[in-house]
Amino acid sequence: MAHQFRRLSAKVQDGAAIATGIVLLAMLFMIAGNTLLRYGFDTSWNFAEEYTAYGLIFMTFVPLAWTLKEKGHISIDILIDRMPKSVSRWGKVATGVVSLAVVYVMFYYALRLSLTSFQKGLLANTYMLTPLWIPQTFITVGLLLFLLEIIFYISDAVKGSNKGGVAAGEKSQTHG
Protein backbone atom coordinates (compact mmCIF):
# COMPACT_ATOMS: atom_id res chain seq x y z
CA MET A 1 0.00 0.00 0.00
CA ALA A 2 2.74 2.49 0.96
CA HIS A 3 4.67 1.59 -2.20
CA GLN A 4 1.59 2.27 -4.34
CA PHE A 5 1.01 5.60 -2.58
CA ARG A 6 4.62 6.59 -3.20
CA ARG A 7 4.31 5.66 -6.89
CA LEU A 8 1.10 7.70 -7.19
CA SER A 9 2.80 10.63 -5.47
CA ALA A 10 5.75 10.37 -7.88
CA LYS A 11 3.38 10.43 -10.87
CA VAL A 12 1.59 13.49 -9.49
CA GLN A 13 4.96 15.18 -8.94
CA ASP A 14 6.09 14.34 -12.47
CA GLY A 15 2.82 15.79 -13.76
CA ALA A 16 3.44 18.92 -11.68
CA ALA A 17 6.90 19.25 -13.21
CA ILE A 18 5.47 18.95 -16.72
CA ALA A 19 2.73 21.45 -15.86
CA THR A 20 5.41 23.83 -14.59
CA GLY A 21 7.18 23.64 -17.95
CA ILE A 22 3.91 24.36 -19.74
CA VAL A 23 3.26 27.33 -17.45
CA LEU A 24 6.75 28.62 -18.20
CA LEU A 25 6.08 28.42 -21.94
CA ALA A 26 2.72 30.14 -21.51
CA MET A 27 4.43 32.92 -19.55
CA LEU A 28 7.03 33.27 -22.29
CA PHE A 29 4.35 33.64 -24.96
CA MET A 30 2.33 36.08 -22.86
CA ILE A 31 5.33 38.30 -22.20
CA ALA A 32 6.59 38.13 -25.80
CA GLY A 33 3.12 38.70 -27.22
CA ASN A 34 2.42 41.56 -24.87
CA THR A 35 5.76 43.17 -25.70
CA LEU A 36 5.09 42.84 -29.42
CA LEU A 37 1.61 44.33 -29.04
CA ARG A 38 2.81 47.16 -26.82
CA TYR A 39 5.71 48.31 -28.97
CA GLY A 40 4.41 47.26 -32.36
CA PHE A 41 0.75 48.20 -32.15
CA ASP A 42 0.47 50.51 -29.13
CA THR A 43 -1.91 48.15 -27.32
CA SER A 44 -1.51 45.27 -24.86
CA TRP A 45 -3.16 42.30 -23.25
CA ASN A 46 -4.60 43.48 -19.96
CA PHE A 47 -4.20 40.05 -18.40
CA ALA A 48 -0.59 39.29 -19.32
CA GLU A 49 1.24 40.78 -16.35
CA GLU A 50 -1.26 39.48 -13.79
CA TYR A 51 -1.31 35.96 -15.17
CA THR A 52 2.46 35.93 -15.50
CA ALA A 53 2.67 36.73 -11.79
CA TYR A 54 0.30 33.84 -11.05
CA GLY A 55 2.48 31.62 -13.24
CA LEU A 56 5.48 32.59 -11.14
CA ILE A 57 3.60 31.56 -7.99
CA PHE A 58 2.75 28.24 -9.66
CA MET A 59 6.36 27.67 -10.75
CA THR A 60 7.65 28.44 -7.26
CA PHE A 61 5.42 26.17 -5.19
CA VAL A 62 3.97 23.35 -7.30
CA PRO A 63 7.29 21.67 -8.25
CA LEU A 64 8.80 21.79 -4.72
CA ALA A 65 8.16 18.09 -4.06
CA TRP A 66 9.46 17.02 -7.47
CA THR A 67 12.62 19.02 -6.87
CA LEU A 68 13.20 17.25 -3.53
CA LYS A 69 12.53 13.86 -5.13
CA GLU A 70 15.06 14.63 -7.85
CA LYS A 71 17.61 15.88 -5.28
CA GLY A 72 17.48 19.37 -6.76
CA HIS A 73 17.18 21.42 -3.58
CA ILE A 74 20.33 23.00 -2.27
CA SER A 75 21.56 21.13 0.78
CA ILE A 76 24.46 21.97 2.98
CA ASP A 77 25.34 18.72 4.67
CA ILE A 78 29.10 19.02 5.05
CA LEU A 79 28.91 18.01 8.73
CA ILE A 80 26.41 15.20 8.23
CA ASP A 81 28.47 13.67 5.41
CA ARG A 82 31.55 13.49 7.66
CA MET A 83 29.77 11.66 10.48
CA PRO A 84 29.52 7.89 10.84
CA LYS A 85 26.60 6.49 8.80
CA SER A 86 24.40 5.76 11.81
CA VAL A 87 24.84 9.29 13.19
CA SER A 88 24.49 10.79 9.72
CA ARG A 89 21.23 8.93 9.19
CA TRP A 90 19.70 10.39 12.35
CA GLY A 91 20.99 13.84 11.46
CA LYS A 92 19.07 13.56 8.21
CA VAL A 93 15.99 12.41 10.10
CA ALA A 94 16.30 15.44 12.40
CA THR A 95 16.63 17.88 9.51
CA GLY A 96 13.68 16.19 7.82
CA VAL A 97 11.53 16.56 10.94
CA VAL A 98 12.43 20.25 11.26
CA SER A 99 11.62 20.74 7.56
CA LEU A 100 8.33 18.91 8.03
CA ALA A 101 7.37 21.18 10.93
CA VAL A 102 8.24 24.38 9.06
CA VAL A 103 6.47 23.34 5.86
CA TYR A 104 3.44 22.14 7.85
CA VAL A 105 3.04 25.59 9.41
CA MET A 106 3.32 27.18 5.96
CA PHE A 107 0.78 24.70 4.56
CA TYR A 108 -1.65 25.29 7.43
CA TYR A 109 -1.70 29.05 6.91
CA ALA A 110 -1.80 28.78 3.12
CA LEU A 111 -4.79 26.44 3.40
CA ARG A 112 -6.56 28.83 5.79
CA LEU A 113 -5.86 31.74 3.45
CA SER A 114 -7.16 29.84 0.40
CA LEU A 115 -10.32 28.71 2.19
CA THR A 116 -11.01 32.19 3.57
CA SER A 117 -10.54 33.75 0.14
CA PHE A 118 -12.87 31.17 -1.38
CA GLN A 119 -15.56 31.54 1.32
CA LYS A 120 -15.51 35.34 1.18
CA GLY A 121 -15.29 35.46 -2.61
CA LEU A 122 -12.22 37.70 -2.50
CA LEU A 123 -11.01 39.02 -5.83
CA ALA A 124 -7.66 40.43 -6.90
CA ASN A 125 -7.70 44.21 -7.13
CA THR A 126 -6.69 44.00 -10.79
CA TYR A 127 -8.26 44.44 -14.21
CA MET A 128 -9.11 40.71 -14.45
CA LEU A 129 -10.63 40.46 -10.93
CA THR A 130 -9.23 36.96 -10.53
CA PRO A 131 -10.59 35.06 -7.51
CA LEU A 132 -7.68 35.06 -5.07
CA TRP A 133 -8.22 31.46 -4.02
CA ILE A 134 -6.94 30.31 -7.43
CA PRO A 135 -3.30 31.47 -7.11
CA GLN A 136 -3.42 30.76 -3.35
CA THR A 137 -4.38 27.17 -4.15
CA PHE A 138 -1.15 26.83 -6.15
CA ILE A 139 0.71 27.54 -2.92
CA THR A 140 -1.45 25.18 -0.86
CA VAL A 141 -1.20 22.26 -3.30
CA GLY A 142 2.54 22.75 -3.76
CA LEU A 143 3.12 22.72 -0.01
CA LEU A 144 0.91 19.63 0.45
CA LEU A 145 2.92 17.71 -2.15
CA PHE A 146 6.12 18.96 -0.51
CA LEU A 147 4.91 17.72 2.90
CA LEU A 148 4.31 14.25 1.46
CA GLU A 149 7.76 14.14 -0.13
CA ILE A 150 9.38 15.27 3.13
CA ILE A 151 7.63 12.36 4.86
CA PHE A 152 9.12 10.02 2.24
CA TYR A 153 12.50 11.69 2.83
CA ILE A 154 12.25 11.02 6.57
CA SER A 155 11.07 7.46 5.99
CA ASP A 156 14.01 6.77 3.69
CA ALA A 157 16.43 8.28 6.20
CA VAL A 158 15.04 6.14 9.04
CA LYS A 159 15.35 3.00 6.89
CA GLY A 160 18.73 4.08 5.57
CA SER A 161 17.50 3.22 2.08
CA ASN A 162 18.71 4.63 -1.22
CA LYS A 163 15.28 5.33 -2.72
CA GLY A 164 14.85 9.05 -2.96
CA GLY A 165 15.90 12.46 -1.85
CA VAL A 166 19.18 13.47 -0.35
CA ALA A 167 18.08 11.71 2.85
CA ALA A 168 18.60 8.39 1.15
CA GLY A 169 22.32 8.72 1.66
CA GLU A 170 23.32 9.97 -1.76
CA LYS A 171 25.25 13.20 -2.13
CA SER A 172 23.31 16.17 -3.39
CA GLN A 173 24.13 17.75 -6.72
CA THR A 174 25.76 20.65 -4.90
CA HIS A 175 28.65 18.35 -3.91
CA GLY A 176 29.50 17.20 -7.40
C-alpha atoms as a PDB file:
ATOM      1  CA  MET A   1       0.000   0.000   0.000  1.00  0.00           C
ATOM      2  CA  ALA A   2       2.735   2.487   0.961  1.00  0.00           C
ATOM      3  CA  HIS A   3       4.667   1.594  -2.195  1.00  0.00           C
ATOM      4  CA  GLN A   4       1.588   2.270  -4.344  1.00  0.00           C
ATOM      5  CA  PHE A   5       1.008   5.598  -2.585  1.00  0.00           C
ATOM      6  CA  ARG A   6       4.617   6.587  -3.198  1.00  0.00           C
ATOM      7  CA  ARG A   7       4.308   5.657  -6.889  1.00  0.00           C
ATOM      8  CA  LEU A   8       1.102   7.699  -7.186  1.00  0.00           C
ATOM      9  CA  SER A   9       2.803  10.632  -5.471  1.00  0.00           C
ATOM     10  CA  ALA A  10       5.752  10.373  -7.879  1.00  0.00           C
ATOM     11  CA  LYS A  11       3.379  10.429 -10.869  1.00  0.00           C
ATOM     12  CA  VAL A  12       1.591  13.487  -9.492  1.00  0.00           C
ATOM     13  CA  GLN A  13       4.961  15.177  -8.940  1.00  0.00           C
ATOM     14  CA  ASP A  14       6.089  14.340 -12.466  1.00  0.00           C
ATOM     15  CA  GLY A  15       2.818  15.794 -13.758  1.00  0.00           C
ATOM     16  CA  ALA A  16       3.443  18.915 -11.678  1.00  0.00           C
ATOM     17  CA  ALA A  17       6.905  19.252 -13.205  1.00  0.00           C
ATOM     18  CA  ILE A  18       5.471  18.950 -16.716  1.00  0.00           C
ATOM     19  CA  ALA A  19       2.726  21.454 -15.862  1.00  0.00           C
ATOM     20  CA  THR A  20       5.411  23.830 -14.590  1.00  0.00           C
ATOM     21  CA  GLY A  21       7.177  23.635 -17.953  1.00  0.00           C
ATOM     22  CA  ILE A  22       3.905  24.355 -19.742  1.00  0.00           C
ATOM     23  CA  VAL A  23       3.258  27.331 -17.449  1.00  0.00           C
ATOM     24  CA  LEU A  24       6.754  28.624 -18.203  1.00  0.00           C
ATOM     25  CA  LEU A  25       6.082  28.420 -21.937  1.00  0.00           C
ATOM     26  CA  ALA A  26       2.717  30.138 -21.507  1.00  0.00           C
ATOM     27  CA  MET A  27       4.433  32.920 -19.553  1.00  0.00           C
ATOM     28  CA  LEU A  28       7.034  33.273 -22.293  1.00  0.00           C
ATOM     29  CA  PHE A  29       4.351  33.637 -24.961  1.00  0.00           C
ATOM     30  CA  MET A  30       2.327  36.080 -22.856  1.00  0.00           C
ATOM     31  CA  ILE A  31       5.331  38.299 -22.201  1.00  0.00           C
ATOM     32  CA  ALA A  32       6.589  38.132 -25.796  1.00  0.00           C
ATOM     33  CA  GLY A  33       3.115  38.695 -27.221  1.00  0.00           C
ATOM     34  CA  ASN A  34       2.416  41.562 -24.873  1.00  0.00           C
ATOM     35  CA  THR A  35       5.762  43.173 -25.704  1.00  0.00           C
ATOM     36  CA  LEU A  36       5.085  42.840 -29.423  1.00  0.00           C
ATOM     37  CA  LEU A  37       1.610  44.330 -29.040  1.00  0.00           C
ATOM     38  CA  ARG A  38       2.807  47.156 -26.819  1.00  0.00           C
ATOM     39  CA  TYR A  39       5.713  48.309 -28.973  1.00  0.00           C
ATOM     40  CA  GLY A  40       4.411  47.263 -32.363  1.00  0.00           C
ATOM     41  CA  PHE A  41       0.751  48.201 -32.152  1.00  0.00           C
ATOM     42  CA  ASP A  42       0.471  50.511 -29.127  1.00  0.00           C
ATOM     43  CA  THR A  43      -1.911  48.150 -27.317  1.00  0.00           C
ATOM     44  CA  SER A  44      -1.508  45.272 -24.863  1.00  0.00           C
ATOM     45  CA  TRP A  45      -3.162  42.299 -23.248  1.00  0.00           C
ATOM     46  CA  ASN A  46      -4.603  43.479 -19.960  1.00  0.00           C
ATOM     47  CA  PHE A  47      -4.201  40.048 -18.395  1.00  0.00           C
ATOM     48  CA  ALA A  48      -0.588  39.289 -19.323  1.00  0.00           C
ATOM     49  CA  GLU A  49       1.242  40.781 -16.347  1.00  0.00           C
ATOM     50  CA  GLU A  50      -1.260  39.479 -13.791  1.00  0.00           C
ATOM     51  CA  TYR A  51      -1.314  35.957 -15.173  1.00  0.00           C
ATOM     52  CA  THR A  52       2.464  35.925 -15.502  1.00  0.00           C
ATOM     53  CA  ALA A  53       2.667  36.728 -11.789  1.00  0.00           C
ATOM     54  CA  TYR A  54       0.305  33.836 -11.046  1.00  0.00           C
ATOM     55  CA  GLY A  55       2.477  31.623 -13.239  1.00  0.00           C
ATOM     56  CA  LEU A  56       5.476  32.594 -11.139  1.00  0.00           C
ATOM     57  CA  ILE A  57       3.604  31.558  -7.990  1.00  0.00           C
ATOM     58  CA  PHE A  58       2.749  28.239  -9.663  1.00  0.00           C
ATOM     59  CA  MET A  59       6.358  27.672 -10.749  1.00  0.00           C
ATOM     60  CA  THR A  60       7.652  28.438  -7.255  1.00  0.00           C
ATOM     61  CA  PHE A  61       5.422  26.165  -5.188  1.00  0.00           C
ATOM     62  CA  VAL A  62       3.971  23.355  -7.303  1.00  0.00           C
ATOM     63  CA  PRO A  63       7.289  21.665  -8.251  1.00  0.00           C
ATOM     64  CA  LEU A  64       8.803  21.787  -4.723  1.00  0.00           C
ATOM     65  CA  ALA A  65       8.156  18.085  -4.064  1.00  0.00           C
ATOM     66  CA  TRP A  66       9.457  17.016  -7.473  1.00  0.00           C
ATOM     67  CA  THR A  67      12.623  19.023  -6.873  1.00  0.00           C
ATOM     68  CA  LEU A  68      13.197  17.252  -3.535  1.00  0.00           C
ATOM     69  CA  LYS A  69      12.526  13.857  -5.125  1.00  0.00           C
ATOM     70  CA  GLU A  70      15.061  14.633  -7.846  1.00  0.00           C
ATOM     71  CA  LYS A  71      17.613  15.884  -5.280  1.00  0.00           C
ATOM     72  CA  GLY A  72      17.475  19.372  -6.756  1.00  0.00           C
ATOM     73  CA  HIS A  73      17.179  21.415  -3.581  1.00  0.00           C
ATOM     74  CA  ILE A  74      20.329  23.004  -2.265  1.00  0.00           C
ATOM     75  CA  SER A  75      21.563  21.125   0.776  1.00  0.00           C
ATOM     76  CA  ILE A  76      24.464  21.968   2.982  1.00  0.00           C
ATOM     77  CA  ASP A  77      25.338  18.721   4.666  1.00  0.00           C
ATOM     78  CA  ILE A  78      29.095  19.022   5.047  1.00  0.00           C
ATOM     79  CA  LEU A  79      28.907  18.006   8.728  1.00  0.00           C
ATOM     80  CA  ILE A  80      26.407  15.199   8.233  1.00  0.00           C
ATOM     81  CA  ASP A  81      28.473  13.670   5.406  1.00  0.00           C
ATOM     82  CA  ARG A  82      31.555  13.490   7.660  1.00  0.00           C
ATOM     83  CA  MET A  83      29.770  11.661  10.483  1.00  0.00           C
ATOM     84  CA  PRO A  84      29.522   7.888  10.839  1.00  0.00           C
ATOM     85  CA  LYS A  85      26.597   6.494   8.802  1.00  0.00           C
ATOM     86  CA  SER A  86      24.399   5.763  11.814  1.00  0.00           C
ATOM     87  CA  VAL A  87      24.838   9.289  13.192  1.00  0.00           C
ATOM     88  CA  SER A  88      24.491  10.786   9.721  1.00  0.00           C
ATOM     89  CA  ARG A  89      21.234   8.930   9.191  1.00  0.00           C
ATOM     90  CA  TRP A  90      19.696  10.389  12.348  1.00  0.00           C
ATOM     91  CA  GLY A  91      20.986  13.842  11.455  1.00  0.00           C
ATOM     92  CA  LYS A  92      19.067  13.565   8.209  1.00  0.00           C
ATOM     93  CA  VAL A  93      15.995  12.410  10.103  1.00  0.00           C
ATOM     94  CA  ALA A  94      16.300  15.445  12.400  1.00  0.00           C
ATOM     95  CA  THR A  95      16.631  17.884   9.505  1.00  0.00           C
ATOM     96  CA  GLY A  96      13.675  16.195   7.825  1.00  0.00           C
ATOM     97  CA  VAL A  97      11.529  16.562  10.944  1.00  0.00           C
ATOM     98  CA  VAL A  98      12.426  20.250  11.263  1.00  0.00           C
ATOM     99  CA  SER A  99      11.624  20.740   7.562  1.00  0.00           C
ATOM    100  CA  LEU A 100       8.329  18.906   8.034  1.00  0.00           C
ATOM    101  CA  ALA A 101       7.366  21.181  10.934  1.00  0.00           C
ATOM    102  CA  VAL A 102       8.235  24.382   9.063  1.00  0.00           C
ATOM    103  CA  VAL A 103       6.472  23.336   5.858  1.00  0.00           C
ATOM    104  CA  TYR A 104       3.443  22.143   7.845  1.00  0.00           C
ATOM    105  CA  VAL A 105       3.036  25.594   9.411  1.00  0.00           C
ATOM    106  CA  MET A 106       3.320  27.183   5.963  1.00  0.00           C
ATOM    107  CA  PHE A 107       0.780  24.705   4.557  1.00  0.00           C
ATOM    108  CA  TYR A 108      -1.647  25.293   7.431  1.00  0.00           C
ATOM    109  CA  TYR A 109      -1.704  29.053   6.915  1.00  0.00           C
ATOM    110  CA  ALA A 110      -1.796  28.777   3.119  1.00  0.00           C
ATOM    111  CA  LEU A 111      -4.788  26.443   3.400  1.00  0.00           C
ATOM    112  CA  ARG A 112      -6.562  28.829   5.791  1.00  0.00           C
ATOM    113  CA  LEU A 113      -5.864  31.737   3.451  1.00  0.00           C
ATOM    114  CA  SER A 114      -7.155  29.839   0.404  1.00  0.00           C
ATOM    115  CA  LEU A 115     -10.318  28.712   2.186  1.00  0.00           C
ATOM    116  CA  THR A 116     -11.009  32.188   3.567  1.00  0.00           C
ATOM    117  CA  SER A 117     -10.541  33.753   0.138  1.00  0.00           C
ATOM    118  CA  PHE A 118     -12.872  31.174  -1.380  1.00  0.00           C
ATOM    119  CA  GLN A 119     -15.556  31.543   1.318  1.00  0.00           C
ATOM    120  CA  LYS A 120     -15.514  35.339   1.185  1.00  0.00           C
ATOM    121  CA  GLY A 121     -15.287  35.463  -2.611  1.00  0.00           C
ATOM    122  CA  LEU A 122     -12.216  37.702  -2.497  1.00  0.00           C
ATOM    123  CA  LEU A 123     -11.006  39.020  -5.832  1.00  0.00           C
ATOM    124  CA  ALA A 124      -7.660  40.433  -6.898  1.00  0.00           C
ATOM    125  CA  ASN A 125      -7.702  44.214  -7.135  1.00  0.00           C
ATOM    126  CA  THR A 126      -6.693  43.997 -10.789  1.00  0.00           C
ATOM    127  CA  TYR A 127      -8.260  44.437 -14.209  1.00  0.00           C
ATOM    128  CA  MET A 128      -9.110  40.713 -14.454  1.00  0.00           C
ATOM    129  CA  LEU A 129     -10.633  40.463 -10.934  1.00  0.00           C
ATOM    130  CA  THR A 130      -9.225  36.962 -10.534  1.00  0.00           C
ATOM    131  CA  PRO A 131     -10.588  35.062  -7.512  1.00  0.00           C
ATOM    132  CA  LEU A 132      -7.685  35.057  -5.067  1.00  0.00           C
ATOM    133  CA  TRP A 133      -8.216  31.457  -4.023  1.00  0.00           C
ATOM    134  CA  ILE A 134      -6.944  30.307  -7.427  1.00  0.00           C
ATOM    135  CA  PRO A 135      -3.301  31.465  -7.107  1.00  0.00           C
ATOM    136  CA  GLN A 136      -3.421  30.763  -3.354  1.00  0.00           C
ATOM    137  CA  THR A 137      -4.383  27.172  -4.147  1.00  0.00           C
ATOM    138  CA  PHE A 138      -1.153  26.829  -6.151  1.00  0.00           C
ATOM    139  CA  ILE A 139       0.711  27.541  -2.917  1.00  0.00           C
ATOM    140  CA  THR A 140      -1.445  25.175  -0.864  1.00  0.00           C
ATOM    141  CA  VAL A 141      -1.204  22.261  -3.303  1.00  0.00           C
ATOM    142  CA  GLY A 142       2.538  22.749  -3.761  1.00  0.00           C
ATOM    143  CA  LEU A 143       3.121  22.724  -0.014  1.00  0.00           C
ATOM    144  CA  LEU A 144       0.913  19.633   0.445  1.00  0.00           C
ATOM    145  CA  LEU A 145       2.916  17.712  -2.151  1.00  0.00           C
ATOM    146  CA  PHE A 146       6.121  18.960  -0.514  1.00  0.00           C
ATOM    147  CA  LEU A 147       4.913  17.720   2.900  1.00  0.00           C
ATOM    148  CA  LEU A 148       4.313  14.252   1.464  1.00  0.00           C
ATOM    149  CA  GLU A 149       7.757  14.140  -0.131  1.00  0.00           C
ATOM    150  CA  ILE A 150       9.380  15.267   3.126  1.00  0.00           C
ATOM    151  CA  ILE A 151       7.627  12.365   4.857  1.00  0.00           C
ATOM    152  CA  PHE A 152       9.117  10.015   2.241  1.00  0.00           C
ATOM    153  CA  TYR A 153      12.498  11.688   2.829  1.00  0.00           C
ATOM    154  CA  ILE A 154      12.248  11.022   6.574  1.00  0.00           C
ATOM    155  CA  SER A 155      11.069   7.455   5.989  1.00  0.00           C
ATOM    156  CA  ASP A 156      14.012   6.766   3.687  1.00  0.00           C
ATOM    157  CA  ALA A 157      16.427   8.280   6.202  1.00  0.00           C
ATOM    158  CA  VAL A 158      15.037   6.135   9.042  1.00  0.00           C
ATOM    159  CA  LYS A 159      15.348   3.003   6.888  1.00  0.00           C
ATOM    160  CA  GLY A 160      18.732   4.077   5.569  1.00  0.00           C
ATOM    161  CA  SER A 161      17.498   3.220   2.076  1.00  0.00           C
ATOM    162  CA  ASN A 162      18.715   4.626  -1.224  1.00  0.00           C
ATOM    163  CA  LYS A 163      15.283   5.326  -2.718  1.00  0.00           C
ATOM    164  CA  GLY A 164      14.848   9.045  -2.964  1.00  0.00           C
ATOM    165  CA  GLY A 165      15.895  12.464  -1.852  1.00  0.00           C
ATOM    166  CA  VAL A 166      19.176  13.474  -0.351  1.00  0.00           C
ATOM    167  CA  ALA A 167      18.081  11.715   2.852  1.00  0.00           C
ATOM    168  CA  ALA A 168      18.603   8.391   1.145  1.00  0.00           C
ATOM    169  CA  GLY A 169      22.318   8.715   1.658  1.00  0.00           C
ATOM    170  CA  GLU A 170      23.323   9.973  -1.756  1.00  0.00           C
ATOM    171  CA  LYS A 171      25.250  13.200  -2.131  1.00  0.00           C
ATOM    172  CA  SER A 172      23.308  16.171  -3.387  1.00  0.00           C
ATOM    173  CA  GLN A 173      24.135  17.751  -6.718  1.00  0.00           C
ATOM    174  CA  THR A 174      25.755  20.648  -4.901  1.00  0.00           C
ATOM    175  CA  HIS A 175      28.647  18.350  -3.905  1.00  0.00           C
ATOM    176  CA  GLY A 176      29.503  17.204  -7.397  1.00  0.00           C
END
